[in-house]
């Protein structure tokens, strides 16, 4: 596993394919901003809710020059059944062997999962996910202890914000992503 990325570092380049079989390469996003989201597994209710929120904001983000790539530590077959059912207008990438997770220093932590379960706000996230149609569903063979992380990468491929979640529900505020999306190119 690599060390966590920090602001000012060049985002590790990768090439893969999304659920639709389209090539996804970080290099192809040069000249545009990218929200690179490492989520847990494809049946995770909180992660599906996060993708749901991204879908709602995606048209505005696109107009402002921000693309989204969401990565899950799940095989494609599971992704099609769960998160893939949302028909996201951006790439959903299966990384069942966690190769990209390792490159970006995404952690696995039983302690942080337990802290999530003990956190007073978790019930409201679970309720919001359930109201949006995402039930708490186990996924066979998933890494239940994976902790999400999100990266805001500028037009030159430089990490402008690296957010490693403290607990599962500690995502970047959507308003922070909105501000990054609306910002002018870094010089």
Protein backbone atom coordinates (compact mmCIF):
# COMPACT_ATOMS: atom_id res chain seq x y z
CA UNK A 1 0.00 0.00 0.00
CA UNK A 2 1.22 3.48 -0.80
CA UNK A 3 1.12 6.36 1.60
CA UNK A 4 -1.94 8.62 1.58
CA UNK A 5 -1.91 11.28 -1.12
CA UNK A 6 -1.70 14.92 -0.16
CA UNK A 7 -2.58 18.21 -1.81
CA UNK A 8 -0.09 19.15 -4.51
CA UNK A 9 0.84 15.58 -5.42
CA UNK A 10 0.28 14.24 -8.92
CA UNK A 11 -2.59 11.74 -8.88
CA UNK A 12 -1.36 8.23 -9.74
CA UNK A 13 -2.17 7.47 -13.36
CA UNK A 14 -4.28 4.42 -14.15
CA UNK A 15 -6.09 2.82 -17.06
CA UNK A 16 -9.04 0.48 -16.65
CA UNK A 17 -12.55 -0.04 -18.03
CA UNK A 18 -15.93 0.90 -16.59
CA UNK A 19 -19.08 -1.22 -16.31
CA UNK A 20 -20.00 -0.40 -19.90
CA UNK A 21 -16.63 -1.57 -21.20
CA UNK A 22 -15.42 1.97 -21.92
CA UNK A 23 -11.77 2.80 -21.34
CA UNK A 24 -11.17 4.96 -18.28
CA UNK A 25 -7.76 6.57 -17.99
CA UNK A 26 -6.91 9.40 -15.63
CA UNK A 27 -4.67 10.81 -18.36
CA UNK A 28 -7.72 11.24 -20.64
CA UNK A 29 -9.19 13.71 -18.15
CA UNK A 30 -6.32 16.20 -18.49
CA UNK A 31 -7.79 19.64 -19.12
CA UNK A 32 -10.83 18.85 -16.94
CA UNK A 33 -11.34 18.58 -13.20
CA UNK A 34 -12.07 15.15 -11.71
CA UNK A 35 -13.81 13.90 -8.60
CA UNK A 36 -12.29 10.47 -8.04
CA UNK A 37 -14.40 8.62 -5.48
CA UNK A 38 -13.27 5.36 -3.90
CA UNK A 39 -16.34 3.82 -2.34
CA UNK A 40 -16.78 0.54 -0.49
CA UNK A 41 -18.64 -2.28 -2.21
CA UNK A 42 -21.45 -2.09 -4.74
CA UNK A 43 -24.28 -3.08 -2.35
CA UNK A 44 -23.27 -0.57 0.36
CA UNK A 45 -26.38 1.53 1.06
CA UNK A 46 -24.34 4.60 2.09
CA UNK A 47 -22.17 4.32 -1.05
CA UNK A 48 -25.24 3.95 -3.27
CA UNK A 49 -26.70 7.05 -1.63
CA UNK A 50 -23.44 8.88 -2.38
CA UNK A 51 -23.65 7.90 -6.06
CA UNK A 52 -27.30 9.01 -6.03
CA UNK A 53 -26.18 12.45 -4.77
CA UNK A 54 -23.47 12.62 -7.44
CA UNK A 55 -26.01 11.79 -10.17
CA UNK A 56 -28.22 14.67 -9.03
CA UNK A 57 -25.37 17.19 -9.22
CA UNK A 58 -23.59 15.75 -12.24
CA UNK A 59 -25.23 17.89 -14.97
CA UNK A 60 -24.11 21.11 -13.25
CA UNK A 61 -20.67 19.70 -12.53
CA UNK A 62 -20.27 18.66 -16.17
CA UNK A 63 -21.14 22.14 -17.40
CA UNK A 64 -18.44 23.52 -15.10
CA UNK A 65 -15.81 21.08 -16.36
CA UNK A 66 -15.88 18.44 -13.59
CA UNK A 67 -16.00 14.74 -14.37
CA UNK A 68 -16.70 11.95 -11.87
CA UNK A 69 -15.19 8.47 -11.64
CA UNK A 70 -16.53 6.15 -8.91
CA UNK A 71 -14.58 3.03 -7.97
CA UNK A 72 -15.93 0.05 -6.02
CA UNK A 73 -14.12 -2.92 -4.52
CA UNK A 74 -16.57 -5.33 -6.13
CA UNK A 75 -16.69 -7.60 -9.17
CA UNK A 76 -18.59 -6.36 -12.21
CA UNK A 77 -21.43 -8.86 -11.74
CA UNK A 78 -22.22 -7.45 -8.30
CA UNK A 79 -21.89 -3.88 -9.53
CA UNK A 80 -24.42 -4.46 -12.29
CA UNK A 81 -26.89 -5.84 -9.73
CA UNK A 82 -26.47 -3.05 -7.16
CA UNK A 83 -24.90 0.34 -7.91
CA UNK A 84 -25.07 -0.24 -11.67
CA UNK A 85 -28.87 -0.23 -11.46
CA UNK A 86 -28.68 3.54 -10.91
CA UNK A 87 -27.45 4.04 -14.50
CA UNK A 88 -24.94 6.69 -13.46
CA UNK A 89 -23.97 9.05 -16.29
CA UNK A 90 -20.30 8.75 -15.27
CA UNK A 91 -17.91 5.79 -15.10
CA UNK A 92 -18.43 3.15 -12.41
CA UNK A 93 -15.29 1.05 -12.10
CA UNK A 94 -14.97 -2.43 -10.60
CA UNK A 95 -11.70 -2.96 -8.71
CA UNK A 96 -12.31 -6.28 -6.90
CA UNK A 97 -8.59 -6.87 -6.29
CA UNK A 98 -8.22 -3.32 -4.83
CA UNK A 99 -5.28 -2.47 -7.09
CA UNK A 100 -6.36 1.18 -7.45
CA UNK A 101 -7.24 1.35 -3.76
CA UNK A 102 -3.66 0.38 -2.96
CA UNK A 103 -2.20 2.98 -5.34
CA UNK A 104 -4.23 5.72 -3.67
CA UNK A 105 -3.57 4.55 -0.11
CA UNK A 106 -7.22 3.75 0.67
CA UNK A 107 -7.44 2.03 4.03
CA UNK A 108 -9.28 -0.88 5.51
CA UNK A 109 -10.16 -0.39 9.18
CA UNK A 110 -12.31 -2.49 11.47
CA UNK A 111 -12.02 0.25 14.12
CA UNK A 112 -13.40 2.92 11.78
CA UNK A 113 -16.31 0.67 10.80
CA UNK A 114 -17.09 0.18 14.49
CA UNK A 115 -16.81 3.95 15.04
CA UNK A 116 -19.28 4.44 12.17
CA UNK A 117 -21.77 2.07 13.80
CA UNK A 118 -21.40 3.94 17.11
CA UNK A 119 -21.71 7.41 15.53
CA UNK A 120 -25.00 9.16 16.34
CA UNK A 121 -25.39 10.41 12.73
CA UNK A 122 -25.14 6.99 11.11
CA UNK A 123 -28.83 6.19 11.69
CA UNK A 124 -29.87 9.31 9.73
CA UNK A 125 -27.61 8.30 6.80
CA UNK A 126 -29.08 4.79 6.84
CA UNK A 127 -32.62 6.22 6.95
CA UNK A 128 -31.87 8.59 4.05
CA UNK A 129 -30.41 5.69 2.05
CA UNK A 130 -33.47 3.53 2.78
CA UNK A 131 -35.81 6.36 1.76
CA UNK A 132 -33.92 6.61 -1.55
CA UNK A 133 -34.37 2.84 -2.07
CA UNK A 134 -30.97 1.60 -0.85
CA UNK A 135 -31.33 -1.05 1.82
CA UNK A 136 -28.55 -2.33 4.04
CA UNK A 137 -27.53 -5.32 1.94
CA UNK A 138 -24.60 -7.66 2.52
CA UNK A 139 -22.44 -8.42 -0.50
CA UNK A 140 -20.83 -11.85 -0.64
CA UNK A 141 -17.05 -11.58 -0.45
CA UNK A 142 -16.99 -7.82 -0.01
CA UNK A 143 -14.45 -5.93 2.06
CA UNK A 144 -16.82 -4.76 4.78
CA UNK A 145 -14.01 -2.81 6.49
CA UNK A 146 -13.06 -0.62 3.51
CA UNK A 147 -13.16 3.10 4.31
CA UNK A 148 -14.06 5.49 1.44
CA UNK A 149 -11.91 8.35 0.16
CA UNK A 150 -12.46 11.12 -2.39
CA UNK A 151 -10.00 13.18 -4.40
CA UNK A 152 -10.47 16.47 -6.21
CA UNK A 153 -7.97 16.54 -9.07
CA UNK A 154 -7.33 19.63 -11.17
CA UNK A 155 -6.94 19.97 -14.93
CA UNK A 156 -3.20 19.18 -14.71
CA UNK A 157 -3.72 15.95 -12.77
CA UNK A 158 -2.69 17.46 -9.43
CA UNK A 159 -4.55 16.55 -6.25
CA UNK A 160 -6.17 19.69 -4.90
CA UNK A 161 -7.93 17.90 -2.05
CA UNK A 162 -7.42 14.39 -0.69
CA UNK A 163 -10.18 13.35 1.69
CA UNK A 164 -9.69 10.06 3.50
CA UNK A 165 -12.87 9.42 5.48
CA UNK A 166 -12.57 9.28 9.28
CA UNK A 167 -15.59 6.96 9.29
CA UNK A 168 -17.68 5.50 6.46
CA UNK A 169 -20.16 8.40 6.39
CA UNK A 170 -17.52 11.18 6.53
CA UNK A 171 -17.57 12.09 2.83
CA UNK A 172 -16.45 15.39 1.38
CA UNK A 173 -19.29 17.89 1.73
CA UNK A 174 -21.13 18.22 -1.57
CA UNK A 175 -20.77 22.00 -1.24
CA UNK A 176 -16.96 21.57 -1.27
CA UNK A 177 -17.22 19.61 -4.52
CA UNK A 178 -19.61 22.27 -5.90
CA UNK A 179 -17.04 24.99 -5.09
CA UNK A 180 -14.21 23.03 -6.70
CA UNK A 181 -16.37 22.41 -9.76
CA UNK A 182 -17.16 26.12 -10.09
CA UNK A 183 -13.54 27.23 -9.55
CA UNK A 184 -11.37 28.50 -12.36
CA UNK A 185 -8.40 26.50 -13.60
CA UNK A 186 -5.36 26.51 -11.32
CA UNK A 187 -2.32 28.25 -12.82
